[in-house]
Amino acid sequence: MLKKPHYLKWLALLAGLLLLAGMLTPLLTLTRLWMFDEQISILTGILKLWQQGQYLLFVIILGFSVVLPLAKLALLARLLSVHDRVGAGTRRLLHLMHEYGRWAMLDVMVVAMLIVTVKLGVIVSVEVHYGLYLFAAGVLLTMLVTRQTVHWLESAER
């Protein structure tokens, strides 16, 4: 069995911190009629969807932006902390999560489309904040750690 790369644990931890910071910090500020500012983070945006009765969108964004990334990091942390062989069920779950990675940037794309749409309006302006960059960096780093972990597991099987 190949030696497990220890740097992956630290990268996974960094990815988790970036994701959490990106979820909690403002992604953007909407300014309506040049007077009314509203800062939006992922979590406040999800809460607003619930309050406005947009339950399907609430579930989709909550699932793709919060639940799945955190579940993926929890699985990665478990895999990277296991000292002996990884079970077939866990390996299948990791491959499934790796396949989900194609959809990991969906929420970042939704925010980008919102910004472009709002920028086209005359009454509303958008200012992008560092939360968007933190979240995108967390998602990309999670994808990298997942790929490296899958590669490590495949190499260990040979």
N, C-alpha and C. Protein backbone atom coordinates (compact mmCIF):
# COMPACT_ATOMS: atom_id res chain seq x y z
N MET A 1 0.84 -1.19 0.00
CA MET A 1 0.00 0.00 0.00
C MET A 1 0.88 1.25 0.00
N LEU A 2 0.54 2.20 -0.83
CA LEU A 2 1.30 3.44 -0.92
C LEU A 2 1.08 4.30 0.32
N LYS A 3 2.09 5.06 0.64
CA LYS A 3 2.00 5.97 1.78
C LYS A 3 1.01 7.09 1.45
N LYS A 4 0.17 7.39 2.42
CA LYS A 4 -0.84 8.43 2.24
C LYS A 4 -0.18 9.81 2.28
N PRO A 5 -0.48 10.67 1.30
CA PRO A 5 0.10 12.02 1.33
C PRO A 5 -0.53 12.84 2.46
N HIS A 6 0.28 13.25 3.43
CA HIS A 6 -0.23 13.96 4.61
C HIS A 6 -0.66 15.39 4.30
N TYR A 7 -0.12 15.96 3.25
CA TYR A 7 -0.51 17.34 2.91
C TYR A 7 -1.98 17.43 2.53
N LEU A 8 -2.58 16.31 2.10
CA LEU A 8 -4.00 16.34 1.72
C LEU A 8 -4.90 16.67 2.91
N LYS A 9 -4.53 16.22 4.10
CA LYS A 9 -5.32 16.56 5.30
C LYS A 9 -5.36 18.06 5.50
N TRP A 10 -4.20 18.70 5.35
CA TRP A 10 -4.12 20.14 5.56
C TRP A 10 -4.86 20.90 4.47
N LEU A 11 -4.76 20.41 3.24
CA LEU A 11 -5.50 21.05 2.14
C LEU A 11 -7.01 20.91 2.34
N ALA A 12 -7.44 19.74 2.82
CA ALA A 12 -8.87 19.52 3.09
C ALA A 12 -9.34 20.46 4.20
N LEU A 13 -8.53 20.63 5.23
CA LEU A 13 -8.88 21.56 6.31
C LEU A 13 -8.97 22.99 5.79
N LEU A 14 -8.00 23.39 4.98
CA LEU A 14 -8.02 24.72 4.38
C LEU A 14 -9.26 24.90 3.50
N ALA A 15 -9.59 23.89 2.71
CA ALA A 15 -10.78 23.96 1.85
C ALA A 15 -12.04 24.13 2.70
N GLY A 16 -12.13 23.40 3.80
CA GLY A 16 -13.28 23.54 4.69
C GLY A 16 -13.40 24.92 5.29
N LEU A 17 -12.26 25.48 5.71
CA LEU A 17 -12.27 26.84 6.27
C LEU A 17 -12.67 27.87 5.22
N LEU A 18 -12.15 27.70 3.99
CA LEU A 18 -12.52 28.62 2.91
C LEU A 18 -14.01 28.52 2.58
N LEU A 19 -14.53 27.29 2.54
CA LEU A 19 -15.96 27.11 2.25
C LEU A 19 -16.82 27.76 3.33
N LEU A 20 -16.50 27.50 4.59
CA LEU A 20 -17.29 28.09 5.68
C LEU A 20 -17.21 29.61 5.67
N ALA A 21 -16.01 30.14 5.46
CA ALA A 21 -15.86 31.60 5.38
C ALA A 21 -16.65 32.15 4.20
N GLY A 22 -16.61 31.46 3.08
CA GLY A 22 -17.35 31.89 1.90
C GLY A 22 -18.86 31.83 2.09
N MET A 23 -19.32 30.90 2.91
CA MET A 23 -20.76 30.79 3.18
C MET A 23 -21.25 31.89 4.11
N LEU A 24 -20.38 32.32 5.02
CA LEU A 24 -20.79 33.28 6.05
C LEU A 24 -20.53 34.73 5.68
N THR A 25 -19.51 34.98 4.85
CA THR A 25 -19.17 36.36 4.51
C THR A 25 -19.98 36.83 3.30
N PRO A 26 -20.14 38.13 3.16
CA PRO A 26 -20.93 38.65 2.04
C PRO A 26 -20.33 38.29 0.68
N LEU A 27 -21.20 37.82 -0.21
CA LEU A 27 -20.80 37.56 -1.59
C LEU A 27 -20.91 38.83 -2.42
N LEU A 28 -21.98 39.57 -2.15
CA LEU A 28 -22.23 40.76 -2.94
C LEU A 28 -23.13 41.71 -2.20
N THR A 29 -23.13 42.94 -2.65
CA THR A 29 -24.04 43.95 -2.14
C THR A 29 -24.89 44.43 -3.29
N LEU A 30 -26.19 44.38 -3.11
CA LEU A 30 -27.13 44.91 -4.09
C LEU A 30 -27.53 46.32 -3.65
N THR A 31 -27.45 47.25 -4.56
CA THR A 31 -27.87 48.62 -4.27
C THR A 31 -29.04 48.94 -5.20
N ARG A 32 -30.18 49.22 -4.59
CA ARG A 32 -31.38 49.54 -5.38
C ARG A 32 -31.67 51.03 -5.27
N LEU A 33 -31.96 51.61 -6.38
CA LEU A 33 -32.31 53.04 -6.45
C LEU A 33 -31.25 53.91 -5.78
N TRP A 34 -30.01 53.50 -5.84
CA TRP A 34 -28.86 54.23 -5.32
C TRP A 34 -28.92 54.53 -3.82
N MET A 35 -29.90 53.92 -3.09
CA MET A 35 -30.03 54.23 -1.67
C MET A 35 -30.08 52.98 -0.79
N PHE A 36 -30.67 51.92 -1.27
CA PHE A 36 -30.94 50.76 -0.42
C PHE A 36 -29.91 49.67 -0.69
N ASP A 37 -29.03 49.48 0.27
CA ASP A 37 -27.99 48.45 0.16
C ASP A 37 -28.41 47.20 0.91
N GLU A 38 -28.08 46.06 0.32
CA GLU A 38 -28.36 44.79 0.97
C GLU A 38 -27.20 43.84 0.68
N GLN A 39 -26.50 43.44 1.76
CA GLN A 39 -25.41 42.48 1.60
C GLN A 39 -25.98 41.07 1.66
N ILE A 40 -25.49 40.22 0.76
CA ILE A 40 -26.00 38.86 0.66
C ILE A 40 -24.84 37.88 0.77
N SER A 41 -24.98 36.92 1.68
CA SER A 41 -24.06 35.78 1.75
C SER A 41 -24.82 34.56 1.27
N ILE A 42 -24.15 33.45 1.17
CA ILE A 42 -24.84 32.23 0.75
C ILE A 42 -25.93 31.87 1.76
N LEU A 43 -25.59 31.93 3.03
CA LEU A 43 -26.57 31.53 4.05
C LEU A 43 -27.73 32.51 4.15
N THR A 44 -27.47 33.82 4.03
CA THR A 44 -28.59 34.76 4.06
C THR A 44 -29.45 34.63 2.81
N GLY A 45 -28.81 34.34 1.68
CA GLY A 45 -29.58 34.12 0.45
C GLY A 45 -30.48 32.90 0.54
N ILE A 46 -29.96 31.83 1.13
CA ILE A 46 -30.77 30.62 1.32
C ILE A 46 -31.94 30.91 2.26
N LEU A 47 -31.66 31.63 3.34
CA LEU A 47 -32.72 31.99 4.29
C LEU A 47 -33.80 32.83 3.61
N LYS A 48 -33.39 33.77 2.77
CA LYS A 48 -34.36 34.61 2.04
C LYS A 48 -35.24 33.76 1.11
N LEU A 49 -34.63 32.77 0.46
CA LEU A 49 -35.42 31.89 -0.40
C LEU A 49 -36.51 31.19 0.42
N TRP A 50 -36.16 30.71 1.60
CA TRP A 50 -37.13 30.04 2.48
C TRP A 50 -38.23 31.01 2.89
N GLN A 51 -37.84 32.22 3.30
CA GLN A 51 -38.81 33.22 3.75
C GLN A 51 -39.76 33.65 2.64
N GLN A 52 -39.27 33.62 1.41
CA GLN A 52 -40.10 34.03 0.27
C GLN A 52 -40.91 32.87 -0.31
N GLY A 53 -40.82 31.70 0.31
CA GLY A 53 -41.59 30.56 -0.15
C GLY A 53 -41.03 29.87 -1.38
N GLN A 54 -39.79 30.12 -1.72
CA GLN A 54 -39.13 29.48 -2.86
C GLN A 54 -38.47 28.18 -2.39
N TYR A 55 -39.30 27.22 -1.99
CA TYR A 55 -38.80 26.02 -1.32
C TYR A 55 -37.96 25.13 -2.22
N LEU A 56 -38.32 24.99 -3.48
CA LEU A 56 -37.53 24.16 -4.39
C LEU A 56 -36.13 24.75 -4.59
N LEU A 57 -36.07 26.05 -4.85
CA LEU A 57 -34.78 26.72 -4.99
C LEU A 57 -33.99 26.64 -3.68
N PHE A 58 -34.69 26.79 -2.56
CA PHE A 58 -34.06 26.68 -1.25
C PHE A 58 -33.36 25.33 -1.10
N VAL A 59 -34.07 24.26 -1.43
CA VAL A 59 -33.52 22.91 -1.29
C VAL A 59 -32.35 22.70 -2.26
N ILE A 60 -32.48 23.16 -3.50
CA ILE A 60 -31.42 22.97 -4.49
C ILE A 60 -30.15 23.72 -4.08
N ILE A 61 -30.28 25.00 -3.74
CA ILE A 61 -29.10 25.79 -3.37
C ILE A 61 -28.51 25.30 -2.05
N LEU A 62 -29.35 24.97 -1.08
CA LEU A 62 -28.86 24.42 0.19
C LEU A 62 -28.10 23.12 -0.05
N GLY A 63 -28.64 22.26 -0.89
CA GLY A 63 -28.00 20.99 -1.18
C GLY A 63 -26.67 21.15 -1.88
N PHE A 64 -26.65 21.92 -2.95
CA PHE A 64 -25.42 22.07 -3.74
C PHE A 64 -24.40 23.00 -3.09
N SER A 65 -24.85 24.00 -2.33
CA SER A 65 -23.93 24.99 -1.81
C SER A 65 -23.46 24.72 -0.39
N VAL A 66 -24.24 23.97 0.38
CA VAL A 66 -23.89 23.76 1.79
C VAL A 66 -23.73 22.28 2.11
N VAL A 67 -24.78 21.50 1.90
CA VAL A 67 -24.78 20.12 2.36
C VAL A 67 -23.75 19.26 1.62
N LEU A 68 -23.80 19.24 0.30
CA LEU A 68 -22.88 18.39 -0.45
C LEU A 68 -21.41 18.77 -0.29
N PRO A 69 -21.04 20.04 -0.35
CA PRO A 69 -19.63 20.35 -0.12
C PRO A 69 -19.14 19.94 1.28
N LEU A 70 -19.97 20.17 2.30
CA LEU A 70 -19.56 19.79 3.65
C LEU A 70 -19.54 18.27 3.82
N ALA A 71 -20.49 17.57 3.20
CA ALA A 71 -20.48 16.10 3.25
C ALA A 71 -19.26 15.55 2.54
N LYS A 72 -18.91 16.16 1.43
CA LYS A 72 -17.72 15.72 0.68
C LYS A 72 -16.46 15.91 1.52
N LEU A 73 -16.35 17.05 2.20
CA LEU A 73 -15.19 17.29 3.05
C LEU A 73 -15.16 16.33 4.24
N ALA A 74 -16.32 16.02 4.79
CA ALA A 74 -16.37 15.06 5.90
C ALA A 74 -15.89 13.68 5.44
N LEU A 75 -16.33 13.27 4.26
CA LEU A 75 -15.88 11.99 3.70
C LEU A 75 -14.38 12.01 3.43
N LEU A 76 -13.88 13.09 2.88
CA LEU A 76 -12.45 13.21 2.63
C LEU A 76 -11.66 13.15 3.95
N ALA A 77 -12.15 13.84 4.96
CA ALA A 77 -11.47 13.81 6.26
C ALA A 77 -11.44 12.40 6.82
N ARG A 78 -12.54 11.67 6.66
CA ARG A 78 -12.58 10.29 7.14
C ARG A 78 -11.59 9.42 6.37
N LEU A 79 -11.59 9.57 5.05
CA LEU A 79 -10.67 8.77 4.23
C LEU A 79 -9.22 9.08 4.54
N LEU A 80 -8.92 10.34 4.76
CA LEU A 80 -7.54 10.73 5.00
C LEU A 80 -7.07 10.44 6.42
N SER A 81 -8.01 10.12 7.31
CA SER A 81 -7.62 9.78 8.67
C SER A 81 -7.59 8.28 8.92
N VAL A 82 -8.09 7.48 7.98
CA VAL A 82 -8.08 6.02 8.12
C VAL A 82 -6.65 5.52 7.98
N HIS A 83 -6.27 4.63 8.89
CA HIS A 83 -4.88 4.14 8.89
C HIS A 83 -4.71 2.84 8.10
N ASP A 84 -5.77 2.09 7.94
CA ASP A 84 -5.63 0.84 7.20
C ASP A 84 -6.42 0.92 5.89
N ARG A 85 -6.76 -0.20 5.34
CA ARG A 85 -7.43 -0.23 4.03
C ARG A 85 -8.81 0.42 4.09
N VAL A 86 -9.17 1.05 3.00
CA VAL A 86 -10.46 1.69 2.88
C VAL A 86 -11.44 0.70 2.28
N GLY A 87 -12.65 0.62 2.85
CA GLY A 87 -13.65 -0.32 2.37
C GLY A 87 -14.18 0.03 0.99
N ALA A 88 -14.74 -0.99 0.34
CA ALA A 88 -15.27 -0.80 -1.01
C ALA A 88 -16.44 0.19 -1.03
N GLY A 89 -17.28 0.15 0.00
CA GLY A 89 -18.41 1.08 0.06
C GLY A 89 -17.96 2.52 0.16
N THR A 90 -16.95 2.77 0.98
CA THR A 90 -16.42 4.12 1.12
C THR A 90 -15.76 4.57 -0.18
N ARG A 91 -15.08 3.66 -0.83
CA ARG A 91 -14.43 3.98 -2.10
C ARG A 91 -15.48 4.35 -3.16
N ARG A 92 -16.57 3.60 -3.21
CA ARG A 92 -17.65 3.91 -4.16
C ARG A 92 -18.25 5.28 -3.87
N LEU A 93 -18.43 5.55 -2.57
CA LEU A 93 -18.99 6.85 -2.19
C LEU A 93 -18.05 7.98 -2.60
N LEU A 94 -16.77 7.79 -2.44
CA LEU A 94 -15.80 8.81 -2.85
C LEU A 94 -15.87 9.02 -4.36
N HIS A 95 -15.96 7.95 -5.12
CA HIS A 95 -16.06 8.10 -6.58
C HIS A 95 -17.35 8.83 -6.97
N LEU A 96 -18.44 8.55 -6.25
CA LEU A 96 -19.70 9.26 -6.50
C LEU A 96 -19.53 10.75 -6.20
N MET A 97 -18.88 11.06 -5.07
CA MET A 97 -18.65 12.46 -4.72
C MET A 97 -17.73 13.13 -5.73
N HIS A 98 -16.77 12.38 -6.25
CA HIS A 98 -15.88 12.94 -7.27
C HIS A 98 -16.67 13.26 -8.54
N GLU A 99 -17.60 12.39 -8.90
CA GLU A 99 -18.44 12.65 -10.06
C GLU A 99 -19.33 13.86 -9.83
N TYR A 100 -19.79 14.03 -8.59
CA TYR A 100 -20.61 15.20 -8.26
C TYR A 100 -19.79 16.49 -8.46
N GLY A 101 -18.48 16.38 -8.38
CA GLY A 101 -17.60 17.53 -8.51
C GLY A 101 -17.85 18.36 -9.75
N ARG A 102 -18.37 17.73 -10.79
CA ARG A 102 -18.70 18.51 -12.00
C ARG A 102 -19.73 19.58 -11.71
N TRP A 103 -20.58 19.31 -10.72
CA TRP A 103 -21.66 20.24 -10.40
C TRP A 103 -21.28 21.17 -9.26
N ALA A 104 -20.06 21.05 -8.75
CA ALA A 104 -19.66 21.79 -7.56
C ALA A 104 -19.65 23.29 -7.78
N MET A 105 -19.43 23.73 -8.97
CA MET A 105 -19.38 25.17 -9.23
C MET A 105 -20.74 25.73 -9.64
N LEU A 106 -21.80 24.92 -9.54
CA LEU A 106 -23.13 25.37 -9.93
C LEU A 106 -23.54 26.64 -9.17
N ASP A 107 -23.32 26.67 -7.87
CA ASP A 107 -23.74 27.82 -7.08
C ASP A 107 -22.92 29.06 -7.43
N VAL A 108 -21.65 28.90 -7.73
CA VAL A 108 -20.84 30.04 -8.14
C VAL A 108 -21.35 30.57 -9.48
N MET A 109 -21.76 29.66 -10.37
CA MET A 109 -22.31 30.07 -11.66
C MET A 109 -23.63 30.83 -11.46
N VAL A 110 -24.47 30.36 -10.54
CA VAL A 110 -25.74 31.04 -10.28
C VAL A 110 -25.49 32.46 -9.80
N VAL A 111 -24.53 32.63 -8.89
CA VAL A 111 -24.20 33.98 -8.41
C VAL A 111 -23.68 34.83 -9.56
N ALA A 112 -22.82 34.25 -10.41
CA ALA A 112 -22.30 35.00 -11.56
C ALA A 112 -23.42 35.43 -12.50
N MET A 113 -24.39 34.53 -12.75
CA MET A 113 -25.52 34.89 -13.62
C MET A 113 -26.36 35.98 -12.98
N LEU A 114 -26.53 35.92 -11.65
CA LEU A 114 -27.27 36.96 -10.95
C LEU A 114 -26.57 38.31 -11.11
N ILE A 115 -25.26 38.32 -10.97
CA ILE A 115 -24.50 39.56 -11.10
C ILE A 115 -24.64 40.12 -12.50
N VAL A 116 -24.50 39.28 -13.51
CA VAL A 116 -24.61 39.75 -14.90
C VAL A 116 -26.02 40.27 -15.17
N THR A 117 -27.03 39.56 -14.69
CA THR A 117 -28.42 39.98 -14.90
C THR A 117 -28.69 41.32 -14.24
N VAL A 118 -28.25 41.45 -13.00
CA VAL A 118 -28.50 42.69 -12.27
C VAL A 118 -27.69 43.85 -12.85
N LYS A 119 -26.48 43.57 -13.31
CA LYS A 119 -25.65 44.63 -13.92
C LYS A 119 -26.32 45.22 -15.14
N LEU A 120 -27.18 44.43 -15.81
CA LEU A 120 -27.86 44.92 -16.99
C LEU A 120 -28.97 45.90 -16.64
N GLY A 121 -29.40 45.88 -15.38
CA GLY A 121 -30.45 46.80 -14.96
C GLY A 121 -29.90 48.18 -14.66
N VAL A 122 -30.77 49.18 -14.78
CA VAL A 122 -30.37 50.56 -14.53
C VAL A 122 -30.59 50.91 -13.06
N ILE A 123 -31.58 50.29 -12.45
CA ILE A 123 -31.99 50.67 -11.10
C ILE A 123 -31.13 49.99 -10.03
N VAL A 124 -30.55 48.86 -10.34
CA VAL A 124 -29.82 48.08 -9.35
C VAL A 124 -28.36 47.96 -9.76
N SER A 125 -27.47 48.08 -8.78
CA SER A 125 -26.06 47.83 -9.04
C SER A 125 -25.56 46.76 -8.07
N VAL A 126 -24.50 46.07 -8.46
CA VAL A 126 -23.96 44.97 -7.68
C VAL A 126 -22.49 45.23 -7.42
N GLU A 127 -22.09 45.00 -6.19
CA GLU A 127 -20.68 45.06 -5.82
C GLU A 127 -20.30 43.68 -5.29
N VAL A 128 -19.32 43.06 -5.91
CA VAL A 128 -18.88 41.72 -5.52
C VAL A 128 -17.91 41.85 -4.35
N HIS A 129 -18.04 40.94 -3.37
CA HIS A 129 -17.18 40.95 -2.19
C HIS A 129 -16.30 39.70 -2.14
N TYR A 130 -15.40 39.69 -1.21
CA TYR A 130 -14.41 38.62 -1.10
C TYR A 130 -15.03 37.27 -0.76
N GLY A 131 -16.24 37.23 -0.22
CA GLY A 131 -16.89 35.96 0.11
C GLY A 131 -17.05 35.06 -1.11
N LEU A 132 -17.33 35.68 -2.26
CA LEU A 132 -17.46 34.90 -3.49
C LEU A 132 -16.14 34.23 -3.84
N TYR A 133 -15.05 34.96 -3.70
CA TYR A 133 -13.73 34.41 -4.02
C TYR A 133 -13.31 33.34 -3.01
N LEU A 134 -13.63 33.55 -1.73
CA LEU A 134 -13.33 32.54 -0.71
C LEU A 134 -14.08 31.25 -1.00
N PHE A 135 -15.36 31.39 -1.32
CA PHE A 135 -16.18 30.20 -1.58
C PHE A 135 -15.70 29.48 -2.83
N ALA A 136 -15.44 30.22 -3.89
CA ALA A 136 -14.95 29.59 -5.13
C ALA A 136 -13.61 28.90 -4.89
N ALA A 137 -12.72 29.52 -4.12
CA ALA A 137 -11.43 28.90 -3.80
C ALA A 137 -11.63 27.62 -2.99
N GLY A 138 -12.58 27.64 -2.05
CA GLY A 138 -12.88 26.45 -1.26
C GLY A 138 -13.40 25.31 -2.12
N VAL A 139 -14.29 25.64 -3.05
CA VAL A 139 -14.84 24.62 -3.95
C VAL A 139 -13.74 24.04 -4.83
N LEU A 140 -12.92 24.90 -5.40
CA LEU A 140 -11.84 24.42 -6.27
C LEU A 140 -10.81 23.59 -5.50
N LEU A 141 -10.47 24.01 -4.29
CA LEU A 141 -9.52 23.25 -3.48
C LEU A 141 -10.11 21.90 -3.08
N THR A 142 -11.40 21.87 -2.77
CA THR A 142 -12.06 20.60 -2.47
C THR A 142 -12.01 19.65 -3.66
N MET A 143 -12.23 20.19 -4.85
CA MET A 143 -12.15 19.37 -6.05
C MET A 143 -10.74 18.82 -6.24
N LEU A 144 -9.72 19.63 -5.97
CA LEU A 144 -8.34 19.19 -6.09
C LEU A 144 -8.02 18.09 -5.08
N VAL A 145 -8.43 18.28 -3.83
CA VAL A 145 -8.17 17.27 -2.80
C VAL A 145 -8.90 15.98 -3.12
N THR A 146 -10.12 16.08 -3.62
CA THR A 146 -10.87 14.88 -4.00
C THR A 146 -10.15 14.14 -5.11
N ARG A 147 -9.71 14.86 -6.11
CA ARG A 147 -9.00 14.21 -7.23
C ARG A 147 -7.71 13.54 -6.75
N GLN A 148 -6.96 14.22 -5.90
CA GLN A 148 -5.72 13.65 -5.38
C GLN A 148 -6.00 12.43 -4.51
N THR A 149 -7.07 12.46 -3.74
CA THR A 149 -7.44 11.33 -2.89
C THR A 149 -7.87 10.14 -3.74
N VAL A 150 -8.65 10.39 -4.77
CA VAL A 150 -9.04 9.31 -5.69
C VAL A 150 -7.80 8.72 -6.35
N HIS A 151 -6.89 9.57 -6.78
CA HIS A 151 -5.65 9.11 -7.40
C HIS A 151 -4.84 8.26 -6.41
N TRP A 152 -4.74 8.72 -5.17
CA TRP A 152 -4.02 7.96 -4.14
C TRP A 152 -4.65 6.60 -3.91
N LEU A 153 -6.00 6.55 -3.84
CA LEU A 153 -6.69 5.27 -3.62
C LEU A 153 -6.48 4.33 -4.81
N GLU A 154 -6.56 4.87 -6.02
CA GLU A 154 -6.36 4.03 -7.20
C GLU A 154 -4.94 3.48 -7.24
N SER A 155 -3.97 4.32 -6.87
CA SER A 155 -2.58 3.86 -6.83
C SER A 155 -2.36 2.82 -5.74
N ALA A 156 -3.05 2.96 -4.63
CA ALA A 156 -2.90 2.05 -3.51
C ALA A 156 -3.49 0.67 -3.84
N GLU A 157 -4.50 0.66 -4.74
CA GLU A 157 -5.13 -0.62 -5.12
C GLU A 157 -4.21 -1.44 -6.01
N ARG A 158 -3.35 -0.78 -6.75
CA ARG A 158 -2.49 -1.51 -7.69
C ARG A 158 -1.38 -2.23 -6.99
